[in-house]
């Protein structure tokens, strides 16, 4: 059974709670040899799982490390496509680059690339994204939406709504959306979304959505210049959160909203986005390639562009950095 044995083996150990499960029972339930069980137990131990072996009693899971590996994620998934195909590596330069390669190889829609640490994480406009090990959710999602290229910005907004809904339910924190791709708590950034795609004028071939969420990070892991502007769920909530549980919740919200989007279009997403956007009715400055525009944020156009009410009338902002 090879690596496929690890997920059901870990599931059996987790289900036992504090009790033991015998090697014979594992062998019968997973249809494998006792030698194969021992090999995989040792592999799990090498990755930080503490598993006690007691003669005549069997195996007992004593401690689970905080990992986002598939065997930890699967128990939290309720989806049919998103998150069902997963690639996982403990450390990578960027999940975004690897997801692009996987998409070109033909990865199915909903495929997810996960890591514990990025050494060269990317944000919008070529910025660096700091992804300290085991402290956040660093992942890239592959979608293949049957939409024209000019509608692709709507996917960033859809994802920001899905993550906001999932995190609010899981943490009870007052998360707000900042156009076009950030989530904030009390004005500080907790999540960023990077949408990249390949396609032609009339059709998107595939989309890779990079999602970075500061989950259990403390201020000490960030460079000095980020500390006044970044935060984490743990800092704001006063406790740590299960990353696999959060990913499962995010995948569930994403699948629900994405299926709805493909059936009913962008309007329901726009309504939800405006509900969660903290900047509506506020004066903001949009810094575009053509200069700065000041105005009151009024909402979204059907394209996903931001509508700003300025002294010369309503302007449509398609791409910019927002100061608010």
Protein backbone atom coordinates (compact mmCIF):
# COMPACT_ATOMS: atom_id res chain seq x y z
CA UNK A 1 0.00 0.00 0.00
CA UNK A 2 3.05 2.23 0.31
CA UNK A 3 2.41 5.83 1.35
CA UNK A 4 -1.37 5.31 1.05
CA UNK A 5 -1.19 3.41 4.34
CA UNK A 6 -0.17 6.45 6.37
CA UNK A 7 -3.46 8.31 6.16
CA UNK A 8 -5.70 5.41 7.27
CA UNK A 9 -3.14 4.35 9.91
CA UNK A 10 -3.03 7.83 11.42
CA UNK A 11 -6.86 8.01 11.24
CA UNK A 12 -7.12 4.76 13.25
CA UNK A 13 -4.69 6.05 15.87
CA UNK A 14 -6.56 9.37 16.16
CA UNK A 15 -9.93 7.62 16.46
CA UNK A 16 -8.67 5.60 19.44
CA UNK A 17 -8.36 8.84 21.45
CA UNK A 18 -6.41 7.82 24.59
CA UNK A 19 -6.71 4.05 24.05
CA UNK A 20 -4.52 1.44 22.39
CA UNK A 21 -5.20 -0.37 19.13
CA UNK A 22 -3.51 -3.70 18.55
CA UNK A 23 -1.19 -4.43 15.66
CA UNK A 24 -3.44 -7.34 14.73
CA UNK A 25 -6.53 -5.11 14.48
CA UNK A 26 -4.64 -2.52 12.39
CA UNK A 27 -3.36 -5.33 10.15
CA UNK A 28 -6.89 -6.69 9.60
CA UNK A 29 -8.54 -3.31 9.05
CA UNK A 30 -5.90 -1.98 6.65
CA UNK A 31 -5.16 -5.36 5.02
CA UNK A 32 -1.41 -5.08 5.46
CA UNK A 33 1.47 -6.83 7.21
CA UNK A 34 2.70 -6.09 10.75
CA UNK A 35 6.06 -5.17 9.18
CA UNK A 36 4.38 -2.49 7.02
CA UNK A 37 2.64 -1.08 10.11
CA UNK A 38 5.93 -0.88 12.02
CA UNK A 39 7.64 0.86 9.09
CA UNK A 40 4.93 3.54 8.88
CA UNK A 41 4.81 3.99 12.66
CA UNK A 42 8.53 4.77 12.55
CA UNK A 43 8.02 7.20 9.66
CA UNK A 44 5.33 9.03 11.61
CA UNK A 45 7.63 9.17 14.64
CA UNK A 46 10.39 10.71 12.51
CA UNK A 47 7.96 13.54 11.64
CA UNK A 48 7.20 14.37 15.27
CA UNK A 49 4.31 12.05 16.15
CA UNK A 50 4.77 10.38 19.54
CA UNK A 51 3.38 6.86 19.29
CA UNK A 52 3.65 4.52 22.24
CA UNK A 53 4.05 0.77 21.59
CA UNK A 54 3.06 -1.55 24.44
CA UNK A 55 3.37 -5.37 24.33
CA UNK A 56 -0.05 -7.13 24.19
CA UNK A 57 -1.84 -3.72 24.05
CA UNK A 58 -0.69 -2.27 20.73
CA UNK A 59 -0.13 1.33 19.69
CA UNK A 60 -1.33 4.61 21.18
CA UNK A 61 -0.99 8.14 19.78
CA UNK A 62 0.42 10.35 22.54
CA UNK A 63 1.21 13.58 20.66
CA UNK A 64 0.42 15.04 17.24
CA UNK A 65 2.69 17.75 15.81
CA UNK A 66 1.15 20.79 14.13
CA UNK A 67 1.37 19.82 10.45
CA UNK A 68 -0.71 20.55 7.34
CA UNK A 69 0.15 17.23 5.66
CA UNK A 70 -2.67 15.41 3.79
CA UNK A 71 -3.20 12.87 6.59
CA UNK A 72 -3.95 15.76 8.99
CA UNK A 73 -6.12 17.68 6.51
CA UNK A 74 -8.35 14.91 5.17
CA UNK A 75 -10.39 14.41 8.39
CA UNK A 76 -11.42 18.09 8.16
CA UNK A 77 -12.54 18.05 4.50
CA UNK A 78 -16.21 17.98 3.51
CA UNK A 79 -15.66 18.94 -0.15
CA UNK A 80 -15.99 16.92 -3.33
CA UNK A 81 -13.22 18.62 -5.34
CA UNK A 82 -11.35 21.40 -3.54
CA UNK A 83 -8.50 19.94 -1.49
CA UNK A 84 -9.14 16.36 -2.63
CA UNK A 85 -5.86 16.22 -4.59
CA UNK A 86 -2.96 17.47 -2.45
CA UNK A 87 0.77 17.82 -2.90
CA UNK A 88 2.71 18.53 0.27
CA UNK A 89 6.34 19.32 1.03
CA UNK A 90 7.70 20.46 4.37
CA UNK A 91 9.65 23.37 2.83
CA UNK A 92 9.51 24.89 -0.66
CA UNK A 93 10.68 28.14 -2.28
CA UNK A 94 7.07 28.96 -3.33
CA UNK A 95 3.87 26.89 -3.55
CA UNK A 96 2.77 29.23 -6.34
CA UNK A 97 5.58 28.22 -8.73
CA UNK A 98 5.12 24.51 -7.99
CA UNK A 99 1.33 24.76 -8.47
CA UNK A 100 1.90 26.34 -11.91
CA UNK A 101 4.06 23.34 -12.88
CA UNK A 102 1.40 20.95 -11.57
CA UNK A 103 -1.37 22.79 -13.46
CA UNK A 104 0.63 22.50 -16.70
CA UNK A 105 0.96 18.75 -16.03
CA UNK A 106 -2.85 18.54 -15.96
CA UNK A 107 -3.72 18.81 -12.25
CA UNK A 108 -7.46 18.44 -11.64
CA UNK A 109 -9.56 21.40 -10.54
CA UNK A 110 -9.41 21.90 -6.79
CA UNK A 111 -5.85 20.60 -6.43
CA UNK A 112 -3.99 22.11 -3.49
CA UNK A 113 -0.25 22.59 -2.93
CA UNK A 114 0.63 22.86 0.78
CA UNK A 115 3.80 23.54 2.74
CA UNK A 116 4.96 24.30 6.27
CA UNK A 117 7.43 26.96 5.09
CA UNK A 118 8.19 29.07 2.01
CA UNK A 119 11.72 30.33 1.55
CA UNK A 120 10.82 32.62 -1.37
CA UNK A 121 7.11 33.37 -0.94
CA UNK A 122 5.58 35.92 -3.32
CA UNK A 123 2.94 38.58 -2.88
CA UNK A 124 1.34 41.02 -5.32
CA UNK A 125 3.53 43.18 -7.57
CA UNK A 126 6.60 41.02 -6.95
CA UNK A 127 6.71 41.70 -3.21
CA UNK A 128 8.20 39.19 -0.78
CA UNK A 129 5.77 37.26 1.44
CA UNK A 130 7.25 36.08 4.73
CA UNK A 131 6.20 32.50 5.48
CA UNK A 132 7.85 31.32 8.73
CA UNK A 133 7.79 27.57 9.31
CA UNK A 134 4.76 25.91 10.99
CA UNK A 135 3.21 29.31 11.79
CA UNK A 136 0.74 29.88 8.98
CA UNK A 137 -1.21 28.55 6.04
CA UNK A 138 0.86 28.75 2.88
CA UNK A 139 -0.96 27.12 -0.02
CA UNK A 140 -1.86 27.41 -3.70
CA UNK A 141 -5.17 26.31 -5.22
CA UNK A 142 -5.65 25.32 -8.87
CA UNK A 143 -8.96 26.20 -10.55
CA UNK A 144 -10.12 25.76 -14.16
CA UNK A 145 -13.13 28.10 -14.43
CA UNK A 146 -14.98 28.30 -17.77
CA UNK A 147 -14.85 32.12 -17.84
CA UNK A 148 -13.33 34.75 -20.15
CA UNK A 149 -10.05 36.35 -19.13
CA UNK A 150 -11.61 39.71 -18.22
CA UNK A 151 -13.69 38.09 -15.45
CA UNK A 152 -10.68 36.57 -13.68
CA UNK A 153 -10.32 39.41 -11.09
CA UNK A 154 -13.67 38.26 -9.69
CA UNK A 155 -11.96 35.07 -8.43
CA UNK A 156 -9.73 37.03 -6.03
CA UNK A 157 -12.82 38.66 -4.55
CA UNK A 158 -14.63 35.32 -4.32
CA UNK A 159 -11.64 33.81 -2.48
CA UNK A 160 -11.41 36.76 -0.09
CA UNK A 161 -15.10 36.30 0.81
CA UNK A 162 -14.70 32.53 1.29
CA UNK A 163 -11.67 32.91 3.57
CA UNK A 164 -13.36 35.69 5.57
CA UNK A 165 -16.46 33.55 6.11
CA UNK A 166 -14.41 30.51 7.15
CA UNK A 167 -12.09 32.41 9.50
CA UNK A 168 -14.91 34.37 11.13
CA UNK A 169 -16.78 31.14 11.88
CA UNK A 170 -13.67 29.36 13.19
CA UNK A 171 -12.14 32.22 15.22
CA UNK A 172 -14.95 34.75 15.96
CA UNK A 173 -12.47 37.49 15.01
CA UNK A 174 -13.68 40.70 13.24
CA UNK A 175 -11.99 40.02 9.90
CA UNK A 176 -12.58 42.60 7.15
CA UNK A 177 -11.73 42.66 3.46
CA UNK A 178 -9.53 45.32 1.90
CA UNK A 179 -9.78 45.57 -1.89
CA UNK A 180 -8.46 43.82 -3.87
CA UNK A 181 -6.73 40.97 -2.04
CA UNK A 182 -6.05 41.51 1.69
CA UNK A 183 -7.83 40.52 4.88
CA UNK A 184 -7.36 42.72 7.94
CA UNK A 185 -8.00 42.55 11.68
CA UNK A 186 -8.08 45.95 13.41
CA UNK A 187 -6.36 47.46 10.37
CA UNK A 188 -3.47 44.98 10.31
CA UNK A 189 -2.93 42.41 7.56
CA UNK A 190 -3.63 38.77 8.43
CA UNK A 191 -4.04 37.28 4.94
CA UNK A 192 -3.01 37.97 1.36
CA UNK A 193 -4.25 36.40 -1.87
CA UNK A 194 -2.22 36.21 -5.11
CA UNK A 195 -4.16 35.26 -8.25
CA UNK A 196 -2.19 34.25 -11.34
CA UNK A 197 -3.49 32.63 -14.49
CA UNK A 198 -2.80 31.32 -17.95
CA UNK A 199 -5.28 31.78 -20.75
CA UNK A 200 -6.33 33.55 -23.92
CA UNK A 201 -8.79 36.37 -24.57
CA UNK A 202 -11.85 34.13 -24.67
CA UNK A 203 -10.92 31.52 -22.08
CA UNK A 204 -8.99 30.97 -18.87
CA UNK A 205 -6.91 27.78 -19.07
CA UNK A 206 -6.17 27.62 -15.35
CA UNK A 207 -5.88 29.85 -12.29
CA UNK A 208 -3.42 29.48 -9.41
CA UNK A 209 -4.50 31.22 -6.23
CA UNK A 210 -1.79 31.67 -3.64
CA UNK A 211 -3.17 32.05 -0.12
CA UNK A 212 -1.02 33.17 2.79
CA UNK A 213 -2.54 33.39 6.29
CA UNK A 214 -0.70 34.32 9.48
CA UNK A 215 -2.19 31.78 11.89
CA UNK A 216 -0.04 31.08 14.95
CA UNK A 217 2.83 33.51 14.33
CA UNK A 218 4.11 35.81 17.07
CA UNK A 219 5.54 39.24 16.25
CA UNK A 220 9.07 37.96 16.90
CA UNK A 221 9.09 35.87 13.68
CA UNK A 222 8.58 38.89 11.40
CA UNK A 223 11.11 41.48 10.23
CA UNK A 224 10.94 44.76 12.19
CA UNK A 225 9.26 46.65 9.33
CA UNK A 226 6.26 44.25 9.23
CA UNK A 227 5.39 44.35 12.93
CA UNK A 228 3.34 47.59 12.84
CA UNK A 229 1.29 46.42 9.81
CA UNK A 230 0.93 42.62 10.20
CA UNK A 231 -0.92 40.45 12.69
CA UNK A 232 -1.94 36.82 13.16
CA UNK A 233 -5.04 34.95 14.27
CA UNK A 234 -3.20 33.87 17.43
CA UNK A 235 -2.13 37.42 18.33
CA UNK A 236 -5.68 38.71 17.89
CA UNK A 237 -7.46 35.70 19.37
CA UNK A 238 -5.14 35.09 22.31
CA UNK A 239 -4.79 31.39 21.47
CA UNK A 240 -3.42 29.08 18.79
CA UNK A 241 -5.59 27.53 16.08
CA UNK A 242 -5.50 24.19 14.25
CA UNK A 243 -4.20 24.90 10.76
CA UNK A 244 -5.64 21.72 9.15
CA UNK A 245 -9.04 22.57 10.64
CA UNK A 246 -8.87 26.10 9.19
CA UNK A 247 -7.82 24.80 5.76
CA UNK A 248 -10.75 22.35 5.78
CA UNK A 249 -13.17 25.15 6.62
CA UNK A 250 -11.69 27.41 3.91
CA UNK A 251 -11.95 24.64 1.29
CA UNK A 252 -15.62 24.13 2.24
CA UNK A 253 -16.51 27.82 1.88
CA UNK A 254 -14.51 28.09 -1.36
CA UNK A 255 -16.30 25.15 -2.94
CA UNK A 256 -19.75 26.46 -1.96
CA UNK A 257 -19.08 29.98 -3.29
CA UNK A 258 -17.25 28.79 -6.40
CA UNK A 259 -20.08 26.41 -7.38
CA UNK A 260 -22.57 29.24 -6.78
CA UNK A 261 -20.46 31.63 -8.86
CA UNK A 262 -20.37 29.23 -11.82
CA UNK A 263 -24.16 28.80 -11.60
CA UNK A 264 -25.35 32.33 -10.76
CA UNK A 265 -22.52 34.70 -11.70
CA UNK A 266 -20.75 37.38 -9.70
CA UNK A 267 -23.70 39.30 -8.20
CA UNK A 268 -24.12 37.12 -5.05
CA UNK A 269 -20.35 37.31 -4.44
CA UNK A 270 -20.39 41.10 -4.85
CA UNK A 271 -23.17 41.43 -2.27
CA UNK A 272 -21.26 39.27 0.24
CA UNK A 273 -18.01 41.13 -0.45
CA UNK A 274 -19.64 44.49 0.27
CA UNK A 275 -20.98 43.07 3.55
CA UNK A 276 -17.47 42.15 4.71
CA UNK A 277 -15.57 45.15 3.32
CA UNK A 278 -14.54 47.53 6.10
CA UNK A 279 -13.61 50.29 3.67
CA UNK A 280 -17.03 51.06 2.19
CA UNK A 281 -18.17 54.61 2.96
CA UNK A 282 -14.59 55.54 3.96
CA UNK A 283 -12.23 57.91 2.20
CA UNK A 284 -9.42 55.98 0.53
CA UNK A 285 -6.46 56.74 -1.71
CA UNK A 286 -5.97 54.51 -4.75
CA UNK A 287 -2.38 54.55 -6.01
CA UNK A 288 -2.45 53.51 -9.66
CA UNK A 289 0.15 53.52 -12.42
CA UNK A 290 -1.31 56.85 -13.58
CA UNK A 291 -1.12 58.52 -10.15
CA UNK A 292 -3.23 58.76 -7.00
CA UNK A 293 -7.01 59.07 -6.77
CA UNK A 294 -8.84 60.05 -3.57
CA UNK A 295 -12.47 59.30 -2.98
CA UNK A 296 -15.15 57.50 -0.99
CA UNK A 297 -15.23 53.72 -1.56
CA UNK A 298 -18.78 53.01 -2.78
CA UNK A 299 -18.66 49.31 -3.68
CA UNK A 300 -17.80 46.97 -6.55
CA UNK A 301 -18.64 47.12 -10.22
CA UNK A 302 -19.91 43.89 -11.80
CA UNK A 303 -16.38 43.33 -13.14
CA UNK A 304 -14.94 43.35 -9.62
CA UNK A 305 -13.39 46.80 -10.04
CA UNK A 306 -13.62 49.28 -7.12
CA UNK A 307 -16.01 52.23 -7.44
CA UNK A 308 -14.66 55.48 -5.96
CA UNK A 309 -16.80 58.60 -5.61
CA UNK A 310 -14.48 61.54 -6.29
CA UNK A 311 -15.12 65.28 -6.66
CA UNK A 312 -15.36 64.71 -10.43
CA UNK A 313 -17.80 61.78 -10.22
CA UNK A 314 -17.56 58.00 -9.77
CA UNK A 315 -14.30 56.49 -10.98
CA UNK A 316 -13.70 52.80 -11.67
CA UNK A 317 -10.40 51.49 -10.27
CA UNK A 318 -9.17 48.27 -11.87
CA UNK A 319 -5.76 47.83 -10.27
CA UNK A 320 -4.06 49.78 -7.48
CA UNK A 321 -2.73 49.83 -3.96
CA UNK A 322 -5.30 51.18 -1.53
CA UNK A 323 -4.51 53.33 1.49
CA UNK A 324 -7.38 53.58 3.95
